Amino acid sequence: MFANALLLIAAAGLQTGSPLTVKQDAVRIDFRPRTPDQTGSFYEARGFPKAMTELLTQQCFITVVIHNTSDDILWLELANWRFSNNGKALVREHRDTWKRRWRELGMPLRSQSTFRWTLLPETLDYLPDEAEGGNIVLPRVEGPITLDARFATGADKQGPVINIHAGELYCAQDPA
């Protein structure tokens, strides 16, 4: 999956907006916003139907790479991530919601599968020094997006909790 996230980064090749890196305690997180053109081009190059790419370019894509810099297990659980914009909750649709949407639109299974592997997993255990990435898909908004995320640690998730706050995420715009 990490290689897939890097594929999206390499395939983009255009101005991506403002990347952001957050380092705290036992984790480093890199955020790379994707422009609508980058997103559309990436999926179009993989044979996605026009209806699918048009819907995706209306979203806010942020490629996220998480690196466990500790000596213990770090647990990603996207259910513990809260996004907001201008003080209002910004809901990230679960991958199952996208799966239903693609099925309702009659999208090819190969495209559904490709889309799924480009997403950040809903849950994942990161071993020490492991890095993994994927995309977060949010509604497109103006202004800063704030993320408050919580990571459990330890083999049994009973280690110290790591809280991350990032207040400078933005949806990337296509160059004018």
N, C-alpha and C. Protein backbone atom coordinates (compact mmCIF):
# COMPACT_ATOMS: atom_id res chain seq x y z
N MET A 1 0.82 -1.19 0.00
CA MET A 1 0.00 0.00 0.00
C MET A 1 0.87 1.26 0.00
N PHE A 2 1.98 1.23 0.75
CA PHE A 2 2.88 2.38 0.77
C PHE A 2 3.38 2.67 -0.64
N ALA A 3 3.72 1.62 -1.38
CA ALA A 3 4.18 1.81 -2.76
C ALA A 3 3.08 2.43 -3.61
N ASN A 4 1.83 2.07 -3.35
CA ASN A 4 0.72 2.63 -4.11
C ASN A 4 0.56 4.12 -3.83
N ALA A 5 0.75 4.50 -2.57
CA ALA A 5 0.67 5.92 -2.25
C ALA A 5 1.78 6.67 -2.95
N LEU A 6 2.97 6.08 -2.99
CA LEU A 6 4.07 6.72 -3.70
C LEU A 6 3.80 6.79 -5.19
N LEU A 7 3.11 5.79 -5.72
CA LEU A 7 2.71 5.81 -7.13
C LEU A 7 1.86 7.04 -7.42
N LEU A 8 0.91 7.29 -6.54
CA LEU A 8 0.04 8.45 -6.73
C LEU A 8 0.85 9.73 -6.65
N ILE A 9 1.81 9.78 -5.74
CA ILE A 9 2.67 10.96 -5.61
C ILE A 9 3.47 11.14 -6.90
N ALA A 10 4.09 10.07 -7.38
CA ALA A 10 4.93 10.16 -8.59
C ALA A 10 4.09 10.47 -9.81
N ALA A 11 2.90 9.89 -9.90
CA ALA A 11 2.06 10.09 -11.08
C ALA A 11 1.53 11.50 -11.15
N ALA A 12 1.41 12.15 -10.01
CA ALA A 12 0.80 13.47 -9.98
C ALA A 12 1.62 14.48 -10.76
N GLY A 13 2.88 14.64 -10.41
CA GLY A 13 3.79 15.48 -11.17
C GLY A 13 3.45 16.95 -11.27
N LEU A 14 2.36 17.40 -10.73
CA LEU A 14 1.97 18.81 -10.81
C LEU A 14 2.09 19.44 -9.42
N GLN A 15 1.89 20.74 -9.37
CA GLN A 15 1.90 21.42 -8.08
C GLN A 15 0.82 20.82 -7.20
N THR A 16 1.16 20.46 -5.98
CA THR A 16 0.23 19.74 -5.11
C THR A 16 -0.36 20.58 -4.00
N GLY A 17 -0.05 21.83 -3.92
CA GLY A 17 -0.51 22.60 -2.78
C GLY A 17 0.55 22.53 -1.69
N SER A 18 0.15 22.75 -0.48
CA SER A 18 1.10 22.80 0.62
C SER A 18 1.18 21.48 1.36
N PRO A 19 2.31 20.78 1.23
CA PRO A 19 2.47 19.57 2.03
C PRO A 19 2.67 19.96 3.49
N LEU A 20 2.37 19.02 4.37
CA LEU A 20 2.51 19.25 5.80
C LEU A 20 3.08 17.99 6.43
N THR A 21 4.06 18.15 7.30
CA THR A 21 4.61 17.04 8.05
C THR A 21 4.40 17.31 9.53
N VAL A 22 3.87 16.30 10.22
CA VAL A 22 3.66 16.39 11.66
C VAL A 22 4.51 15.30 12.30
N LYS A 23 5.40 15.71 13.22
CA LYS A 23 6.22 14.76 13.98
C LYS A 23 5.87 14.92 15.44
N GLN A 24 5.52 13.82 16.05
CA GLN A 24 5.18 13.89 17.47
C GLN A 24 5.41 12.53 18.11
N ASP A 25 6.00 12.54 19.26
CA ASP A 25 6.25 11.32 20.02
C ASP A 25 6.80 10.22 19.12
N ALA A 26 6.00 9.26 18.79
CA ALA A 26 6.45 8.05 18.10
C ALA A 26 5.97 7.95 16.66
N VAL A 27 5.56 9.07 16.08
CA VAL A 27 4.98 9.00 14.74
C VAL A 27 5.35 10.22 13.91
N ARG A 28 5.52 9.99 12.62
CA ARG A 28 5.68 11.07 11.66
C ARG A 28 4.59 10.87 10.61
N ILE A 29 3.85 11.94 10.32
CA ILE A 29 2.79 11.86 9.32
C ILE A 29 3.02 12.93 8.27
N ASP A 30 3.08 12.51 7.01
CA ASP A 30 3.22 13.43 5.88
C ASP A 30 1.87 13.52 5.18
N PHE A 31 1.43 14.75 4.96
CA PHE A 31 0.17 15.02 4.27
C PHE A 31 0.50 15.73 2.95
N ARG A 32 -0.01 15.23 1.85
CA ARG A 32 0.21 15.82 0.53
C ARG A 32 -1.13 16.01 -0.16
N PRO A 33 -1.67 17.22 -0.14
CA PRO A 33 -2.94 17.48 -0.84
C PRO A 33 -2.78 17.29 -2.35
N ARG A 34 -3.80 16.78 -3.00
CA ARG A 34 -3.81 16.53 -4.44
C ARG A 34 -4.82 17.46 -5.12
N THR A 35 -4.41 18.04 -6.24
CA THR A 35 -5.32 18.90 -6.99
C THR A 35 -6.37 18.04 -7.70
N PRO A 36 -7.49 18.64 -8.08
CA PRO A 36 -8.47 17.89 -8.87
C PRO A 36 -7.86 17.33 -10.16
N ASP A 37 -7.00 18.10 -10.84
CA ASP A 37 -6.36 17.59 -12.06
C ASP A 37 -5.49 16.38 -11.77
N GLN A 38 -4.73 16.41 -10.70
CA GLN A 38 -3.89 15.27 -10.33
C GLN A 38 -4.75 14.04 -10.07
N THR A 39 -5.80 14.23 -9.30
CA THR A 39 -6.68 13.12 -8.95
C THR A 39 -7.33 12.54 -10.20
N GLY A 40 -7.91 13.41 -11.02
CA GLY A 40 -8.57 12.93 -12.24
C GLY A 40 -7.61 12.23 -13.19
N SER A 41 -6.42 12.80 -13.36
CA SER A 41 -5.42 12.21 -14.26
C SER A 41 -4.98 10.84 -13.76
N PHE A 42 -4.76 10.72 -12.48
CA PHE A 42 -4.32 9.44 -11.91
C PHE A 42 -5.35 8.34 -12.21
N TYR A 43 -6.61 8.62 -11.91
CA TYR A 43 -7.63 7.59 -12.09
C TYR A 43 -8.00 7.39 -13.57
N GLU A 44 -7.97 8.46 -14.33
CA GLU A 44 -8.24 8.33 -15.77
C GLU A 44 -7.18 7.44 -16.44
N ALA A 45 -5.92 7.60 -16.03
CA ALA A 45 -4.83 6.79 -16.60
C ALA A 45 -4.99 5.31 -16.27
N ARG A 46 -5.80 5.01 -15.29
CA ARG A 46 -6.05 3.62 -14.92
C ARG A 46 -7.38 3.12 -15.48
N GLY A 47 -7.93 3.84 -16.44
CA GLY A 47 -9.12 3.39 -17.15
C GLY A 47 -10.44 3.60 -16.44
N PHE A 48 -10.46 4.50 -15.45
CA PHE A 48 -11.71 4.75 -14.75
C PHE A 48 -12.73 5.39 -15.69
N PRO A 49 -14.00 5.02 -15.57
CA PRO A 49 -15.05 5.67 -16.37
C PRO A 49 -15.14 7.16 -16.02
N LYS A 50 -15.57 7.95 -16.99
CA LYS A 50 -15.68 9.40 -16.83
C LYS A 50 -16.54 9.79 -15.62
N ALA A 51 -17.66 9.10 -15.41
CA ALA A 51 -18.54 9.43 -14.28
C ALA A 51 -17.81 9.27 -12.95
N MET A 52 -16.93 8.30 -12.88
CA MET A 52 -16.17 8.06 -11.66
C MET A 52 -15.12 9.15 -11.45
N THR A 53 -14.37 9.49 -12.50
CA THR A 53 -13.33 10.52 -12.35
C THR A 53 -13.95 11.88 -12.08
N GLU A 54 -15.09 12.17 -12.68
CA GLU A 54 -15.74 13.47 -12.42
C GLU A 54 -16.15 13.58 -10.96
N LEU A 55 -16.69 12.52 -10.40
CA LEU A 55 -17.08 12.54 -8.99
C LEU A 55 -15.86 12.69 -8.09
N LEU A 56 -14.78 12.00 -8.42
CA LEU A 56 -13.58 12.05 -7.59
C LEU A 56 -12.91 13.42 -7.63
N THR A 57 -12.94 14.11 -8.76
CA THR A 57 -12.29 15.42 -8.85
C THR A 57 -13.05 16.49 -8.06
N GLN A 58 -14.25 16.19 -7.63
CA GLN A 58 -15.02 17.13 -6.81
C GLN A 58 -14.71 16.97 -5.32
N GLN A 59 -13.89 15.96 -4.98
CA GLN A 59 -13.54 15.68 -3.59
C GLN A 59 -12.19 16.31 -3.25
N CYS A 60 -11.87 16.28 -1.98
CA CYS A 60 -10.58 16.75 -1.49
C CYS A 60 -9.74 15.51 -1.17
N PHE A 61 -8.70 15.28 -1.97
CA PHE A 61 -7.81 14.13 -1.77
C PHE A 61 -6.55 14.59 -1.07
N ILE A 62 -6.19 13.89 -0.02
CA ILE A 62 -4.93 14.14 0.68
C ILE A 62 -4.23 12.80 0.84
N THR A 63 -3.03 12.70 0.26
CA THR A 63 -2.23 11.50 0.43
C THR A 63 -1.54 11.58 1.78
N VAL A 64 -1.66 10.53 2.56
CA VAL A 64 -1.14 10.48 3.92
C VAL A 64 -0.14 9.32 4.00
N VAL A 65 1.05 9.59 4.52
CA VAL A 65 2.03 8.54 4.80
C VAL A 65 2.35 8.61 6.29
N ILE A 66 2.11 7.50 6.97
CA ILE A 66 2.34 7.41 8.41
C ILE A 66 3.58 6.55 8.62
N HIS A 67 4.50 7.06 9.46
CA HIS A 67 5.73 6.33 9.77
C HIS A 67 5.81 6.16 11.29
N ASN A 68 5.84 4.91 11.72
CA ASN A 68 6.00 4.61 13.14
C ASN A 68 7.48 4.76 13.48
N THR A 69 7.82 5.77 14.23
CA THR A 69 9.22 6.03 14.58
C THR A 69 9.57 5.50 15.97
N SER A 70 8.68 4.70 16.54
CA SER A 70 8.91 4.17 17.89
C SER A 70 9.45 2.75 17.85
N ASP A 71 9.63 2.19 19.03
CA ASP A 71 10.06 0.79 19.18
C ASP A 71 8.88 -0.11 19.54
N ASP A 72 7.66 0.40 19.40
CA ASP A 72 6.46 -0.35 19.76
C ASP A 72 5.47 -0.32 18.61
N ILE A 73 4.40 -1.07 18.73
CA ILE A 73 3.36 -1.10 17.70
C ILE A 73 2.50 0.16 17.82
N LEU A 74 2.18 0.74 16.69
CA LEU A 74 1.32 1.92 16.59
C LEU A 74 0.06 1.50 15.84
N TRP A 75 -1.09 1.88 16.33
CA TRP A 75 -2.36 1.45 15.74
C TRP A 75 -3.09 2.60 15.06
N LEU A 76 -3.28 2.45 13.75
CA LEU A 76 -4.11 3.39 12.99
C LEU A 76 -5.54 2.88 13.06
N GLU A 77 -6.43 3.75 13.48
CA GLU A 77 -7.86 3.48 13.45
C GLU A 77 -8.52 4.78 13.00
N LEU A 78 -8.89 4.85 11.72
CA LEU A 78 -9.43 6.10 11.20
C LEU A 78 -10.71 6.53 11.90
N ALA A 79 -11.38 5.61 12.57
CA ALA A 79 -12.55 5.99 13.37
C ALA A 79 -12.16 6.95 14.50
N ASN A 80 -10.87 7.00 14.83
CA ASN A 80 -10.37 7.90 15.88
C ASN A 80 -9.79 9.19 15.31
N TRP A 81 -10.08 9.47 14.04
CA TRP A 81 -9.64 10.72 13.41
C TRP A 81 -10.85 11.63 13.24
N ARG A 82 -10.70 12.88 13.67
CA ARG A 82 -11.78 13.87 13.54
C ARG A 82 -11.28 15.04 12.70
N PHE A 83 -12.01 15.34 11.64
CA PHE A 83 -11.69 16.46 10.77
C PHE A 83 -12.72 17.56 10.99
N SER A 84 -12.27 18.81 10.87
CA SER A 84 -13.20 19.94 10.95
C SER A 84 -12.71 21.06 10.05
N ASN A 85 -13.64 21.92 9.70
CA ASN A 85 -13.37 23.09 8.86
C ASN A 85 -14.19 24.23 9.42
N ASN A 86 -13.51 25.32 9.80
CA ASN A 86 -14.19 26.48 10.38
C ASN A 86 -15.06 26.09 11.58
N GLY A 87 -14.55 25.18 12.40
CA GLY A 87 -15.26 24.79 13.62
C GLY A 87 -16.38 23.79 13.42
N LYS A 88 -16.63 23.36 12.19
CA LYS A 88 -17.71 22.40 11.91
C LYS A 88 -17.10 21.06 11.50
N ALA A 89 -17.74 19.99 11.96
CA ALA A 89 -17.26 18.65 11.63
C ALA A 89 -17.24 18.45 10.11
N LEU A 90 -16.19 17.83 9.63
CA LEU A 90 -16.02 17.50 8.22
C LEU A 90 -15.97 15.97 8.16
N VAL A 91 -16.98 15.38 7.57
CA VAL A 91 -17.12 13.93 7.61
C VAL A 91 -16.35 13.26 6.46
N ARG A 92 -15.45 12.38 6.84
CA ARG A 92 -14.74 11.54 5.89
C ARG A 92 -15.59 10.30 5.67
N GLU A 93 -15.93 10.05 4.42
CA GLU A 93 -16.76 8.89 4.14
C GLU A 93 -15.93 7.62 4.25
N HIS A 94 -16.47 6.65 4.93
CA HIS A 94 -15.85 5.34 5.10
C HIS A 94 -15.72 4.66 3.74
N ARG A 95 -14.72 3.83 3.56
CA ARG A 95 -14.52 3.13 2.28
C ARG A 95 -15.74 2.30 1.89
N ASP A 96 -16.52 1.82 2.86
CA ASP A 96 -17.73 1.06 2.52
C ASP A 96 -18.77 1.94 1.84
N THR A 97 -18.81 3.22 2.20
CA THR A 97 -19.73 4.16 1.55
C THR A 97 -19.35 4.31 0.09
N TRP A 98 -18.05 4.43 -0.19
CA TRP A 98 -17.59 4.52 -1.58
C TRP A 98 -17.92 3.24 -2.34
N LYS A 99 -17.74 2.10 -1.70
CA LYS A 99 -18.03 0.82 -2.34
C LYS A 99 -19.50 0.77 -2.77
N ARG A 100 -20.40 1.17 -1.87
CA ARG A 100 -21.84 1.20 -2.21
C ARG A 100 -22.11 2.17 -3.36
N ARG A 101 -21.48 3.35 -3.31
CA ARG A 101 -21.69 4.35 -4.36
C ARG A 101 -21.25 3.79 -5.71
N TRP A 102 -20.07 3.17 -5.76
CA TRP A 102 -19.59 2.62 -7.03
C TRP A 102 -20.51 1.51 -7.54
N ARG A 103 -20.99 0.68 -6.62
CA ARG A 103 -21.89 -0.40 -7.02
C ARG A 103 -23.19 0.17 -7.59
N GLU A 104 -23.75 1.19 -6.92
CA GLU A 104 -24.99 1.83 -7.38
C GLU A 104 -24.83 2.46 -8.75
N LEU A 105 -23.62 2.99 -9.03
CA LEU A 105 -23.35 3.61 -10.33
C LEU A 105 -22.94 2.59 -11.39
N GLY A 106 -22.85 1.32 -11.00
CA GLY A 106 -22.49 0.27 -11.94
C GLY A 106 -21.06 0.35 -12.44
N MET A 107 -20.16 0.82 -11.58
CA MET A 107 -18.76 0.96 -11.98
C MET A 107 -18.08 -0.40 -12.07
N PRO A 108 -17.14 -0.54 -13.00
CA PRO A 108 -16.44 -1.82 -13.17
C PRO A 108 -15.71 -2.23 -11.89
N LEU A 109 -15.71 -3.53 -11.61
CA LEU A 109 -15.05 -4.04 -10.41
C LEU A 109 -13.56 -3.71 -10.39
N ARG A 110 -12.91 -3.72 -11.55
CA ARG A 110 -11.47 -3.42 -11.58
C ARG A 110 -11.22 -1.99 -11.10
N SER A 111 -12.11 -1.06 -11.46
CA SER A 111 -11.96 0.33 -11.01
C SER A 111 -12.25 0.45 -9.52
N GLN A 112 -13.26 -0.26 -9.05
CA GLN A 112 -13.57 -0.25 -7.63
C GLN A 112 -12.38 -0.76 -6.81
N SER A 113 -11.76 -1.82 -7.30
CA SER A 113 -10.61 -2.41 -6.62
C SER A 113 -9.43 -1.44 -6.60
N THR A 114 -9.15 -0.82 -7.73
CA THR A 114 -8.05 0.14 -7.81
C THR A 114 -8.29 1.31 -6.86
N PHE A 115 -9.51 1.82 -6.83
CA PHE A 115 -9.83 2.92 -5.93
C PHE A 115 -9.58 2.49 -4.49
N ARG A 116 -10.05 1.31 -4.13
CA ARG A 116 -9.91 0.82 -2.76
C ARG A 116 -8.44 0.76 -2.33
N TRP A 117 -7.55 0.26 -3.22
CA TRP A 117 -6.15 0.15 -2.78
C TRP A 117 -5.43 1.48 -2.71
N THR A 118 -6.02 2.54 -3.23
CA THR A 118 -5.39 3.86 -3.10
C THR A 118 -5.76 4.57 -1.79
N LEU A 119 -6.73 4.01 -1.07
CA LEU A 119 -7.18 4.62 0.19
C LEU A 119 -6.30 4.19 1.36
N LEU A 120 -6.17 5.08 2.34
CA LEU A 120 -5.53 4.72 3.60
C LEU A 120 -6.42 3.67 4.27
N PRO A 121 -5.84 2.59 4.78
CA PRO A 121 -6.66 1.56 5.44
C PRO A 121 -7.44 2.14 6.62
N GLU A 122 -8.60 1.57 6.89
CA GLU A 122 -9.40 2.01 8.04
C GLU A 122 -8.70 1.66 9.35
N THR A 123 -8.05 0.50 9.39
CA THR A 123 -7.30 0.08 10.57
C THR A 123 -6.01 -0.60 10.10
N LEU A 124 -4.95 -0.40 10.86
CA LEU A 124 -3.68 -1.02 10.51
C LEU A 124 -2.75 -0.94 11.71
N ASP A 125 -1.99 -2.01 11.92
CA ASP A 125 -0.95 -1.97 12.94
C ASP A 125 0.37 -1.69 12.25
N TYR A 126 1.09 -0.71 12.76
CA TYR A 126 2.40 -0.33 12.24
C TYR A 126 3.46 -0.87 13.18
N LEU A 127 4.31 -1.72 12.66
CA LEU A 127 5.42 -2.23 13.45
C LEU A 127 6.49 -1.14 13.56
N PRO A 128 7.43 -1.29 14.48
CA PRO A 128 8.48 -0.28 14.61
C PRO A 128 9.18 0.00 13.28
N ASP A 129 9.34 1.26 12.97
CA ASP A 129 9.98 1.77 11.75
C ASP A 129 9.21 1.45 10.47
N GLU A 130 7.97 1.02 10.57
CA GLU A 130 7.16 0.74 9.38
C GLU A 130 6.47 2.02 8.91
N ALA A 131 6.36 2.16 7.60
CA ALA A 131 5.64 3.30 7.00
C ALA A 131 4.62 2.74 6.01
N GLU A 132 3.48 3.35 5.97
CA GLU A 132 2.39 2.92 5.08
C GLU A 132 1.57 4.16 4.76
N GLY A 133 0.96 4.16 3.58
CA GLY A 133 0.19 5.34 3.21
C GLY A 133 -1.00 5.03 2.33
N GLY A 134 -1.70 6.08 1.99
CA GLY A 134 -2.87 6.02 1.14
C GLY A 134 -3.57 7.36 1.18
N ASN A 135 -4.70 7.41 0.53
CA ASN A 135 -5.45 8.66 0.45
C ASN A 135 -6.58 8.74 1.46
N ILE A 136 -6.80 9.96 1.93
CA ILE A 136 -7.99 10.34 2.69
C ILE A 136 -8.84 11.15 1.71
N VAL A 137 -10.13 10.86 1.67
CA VAL A 137 -11.04 11.59 0.79
C VAL A 137 -12.04 12.33 1.66
N LEU A 138 -12.03 13.66 1.51
CA LEU A 138 -12.92 14.53 2.29
C LEU A 138 -13.77 15.35 1.33
N PRO A 139 -14.87 15.92 1.83
CA PRO A 139 -15.60 16.88 1.00
C PRO A 139 -14.69 18.08 0.71
N ARG A 140 -14.75 18.63 -0.48
CA ARG A 140 -13.93 19.79 -0.85
C ARG A 140 -14.46 21.02 -0.12
N VAL A 141 -13.57 21.70 0.61
CA VAL A 141 -13.93 22.90 1.36
C VAL A 141 -12.88 23.97 1.14
N GLU A 142 -13.25 25.20 1.44
CA GLU A 142 -12.31 26.33 1.43
C GLU A 142 -11.78 26.50 2.84
N GLY A 143 -10.56 26.97 2.94
CA GLY A 143 -9.98 27.26 4.25
C GLY A 143 -9.34 26.04 4.88
N PRO A 144 -8.77 26.26 6.06
CA PRO A 144 -8.00 25.20 6.70
C PRO A 144 -8.88 24.05 7.22
N ILE A 145 -8.32 22.87 7.13
CA ILE A 145 -8.92 21.67 7.69
C ILE A 145 -8.10 21.31 8.92
N THR A 146 -8.77 21.03 10.00
CA THR A 146 -8.12 20.62 11.23
C THR A 146 -8.33 19.13 11.43
N LEU A 147 -7.26 18.45 11.82
CA LEU A 147 -7.33 17.02 12.13
C LEU A 147 -6.92 16.82 13.58
N ASP A 148 -7.73 16.09 14.31
CA ASP A 148 -7.37 15.60 15.64
C ASP A 148 -7.43 14.08 15.55
N ALA A 149 -6.29 13.43 15.73
CA ALA A 149 -6.19 11.98 15.58
C ALA A 149 -5.62 11.36 16.84
N ARG A 150 -6.07 10.16 17.11
CA ARG A 150 -5.59 9.42 18.27
C ARG A 150 -5.07 8.06 17.82
N PHE A 151 -3.90 7.69 18.31
CA PHE A 151 -3.28 6.40 18.01
C PHE A 151 -3.07 5.63 19.30
N ALA A 152 -3.53 4.41 19.34
CA ALA A 152 -3.18 3.52 20.45
C ALA A 152 -1.80 2.96 20.17
N THR A 153 -1.13 2.51 21.22
CA THR A 153 0.19 1.90 21.06
C THR A 153 0.25 0.60 21.85
N GLY A 154 1.24 -0.21 21.53
CA GLY A 154 1.45 -1.47 22.24
C GLY A 154 0.73 -2.62 21.58
N ALA A 155 1.23 -3.82 21.80
CA ALA A 155 0.66 -5.02 21.18
C ALA A 155 -0.81 -5.20 21.52
N ASP A 156 -1.19 -4.80 22.72
CA ASP A 156 -2.58 -4.96 23.16
C ASP A 156 -3.35 -3.63 23.17
N LYS A 157 -2.79 -2.62 22.54
CA LYS A 157 -3.37 -1.27 22.48
C LYS A 157 -3.49 -0.62 23.86
N GLN A 158 -2.70 -1.08 24.80
CA GLN A 158 -2.78 -0.57 26.17
C GLN A 158 -1.62 0.36 26.51
N GLY A 159 -0.78 0.68 25.51
CA GLY A 159 0.33 1.59 25.74
C GLY A 159 -0.16 3.03 25.75
N PRO A 160 0.77 3.96 25.87
CA PRO A 160 0.40 5.38 25.88
C PRO A 160 -0.33 5.78 24.58
N VAL A 161 -1.34 6.59 24.71
CA VAL A 161 -2.08 7.10 23.56
C VAL A 161 -1.32 8.29 22.99
N ILE A 162 -1.23 8.34 21.67
CA ILE A 162 -0.59 9.46 21.00
C ILE A 162 -1.69 10.29 20.35
N ASN A 163 -1.74 11.57 20.70
CA ASN A 163 -2.71 12.50 20.12
C ASN A 163 -2.00 13.42 19.16
N ILE A 164 -2.56 13.56 17.98
CA ILE A 164 -2.00 14.41 16.94
C ILE A 164 -3.00 15.52 16.63
N HIS A 165 -2.49 16.72 16.51
CA HIS A 165 -3.31 17.86 16.08
C HIS A 165 -2.62 18.51 14.88
N ALA A 166 -3.34 18.61 13.80
CA ALA A 166 -2.82 19.30 12.60
C ALA A 166 -3.89 20.29 12.16
N GLY A 167 -3.56 21.56 12.17
CA GLY A 167 -4.54 22.59 11.84
C GLY A 167 -4.28 23.31 10.55
N GLU A 168 -3.36 22.85 9.75
CA GLU A 168 -2.99 23.56 8.53
C GLU A 168 -3.10 22.69 7.27
N LEU A 169 -4.12 21.84 7.23
CA LEU A 169 -4.38 21.05 6.02
C LEU A 169 -5.31 21.84 5.12
N TYR A 170 -5.10 21.73 3.81
CA TYR A 170 -5.94 22.42 2.85
C TYR A 170 -6.23 21.51 1.68
N CYS A 171 -7.36 21.72 1.04
CA CYS A 171 -7.65 21.05 -0.22
C CYS A 171 -6.84 21.77 -1.29
N ALA A 172 -6.08 21.02 -2.07
CA ALA A 172 -5.27 21.63 -3.13
C ALA A 172 -6.17 22.09 -4.28
N GLN A 173 -5.78 23.18 -4.89
CA GLN A 173 -6.51 23.75 -6.03
C GLN A 173 -5.68 23.57 -7.30
N ASP A 174 -6.37 23.44 -8.43
CA ASP A 174 -5.65 23.44 -9.70
C ASP A 174 -5.08 24.83 -9.94
N PRO A 175 -3.90 24.90 -10.59
CA PRO A 175 -3.34 26.22 -10.92
C PRO A 175 -4.32 27.00 -11.81
N ALA A 176 -4.39 28.28 -11.57
CA ALA A 176 -5.32 29.12 -12.34
C ALA A 176 -4.88 29.28 -13.78
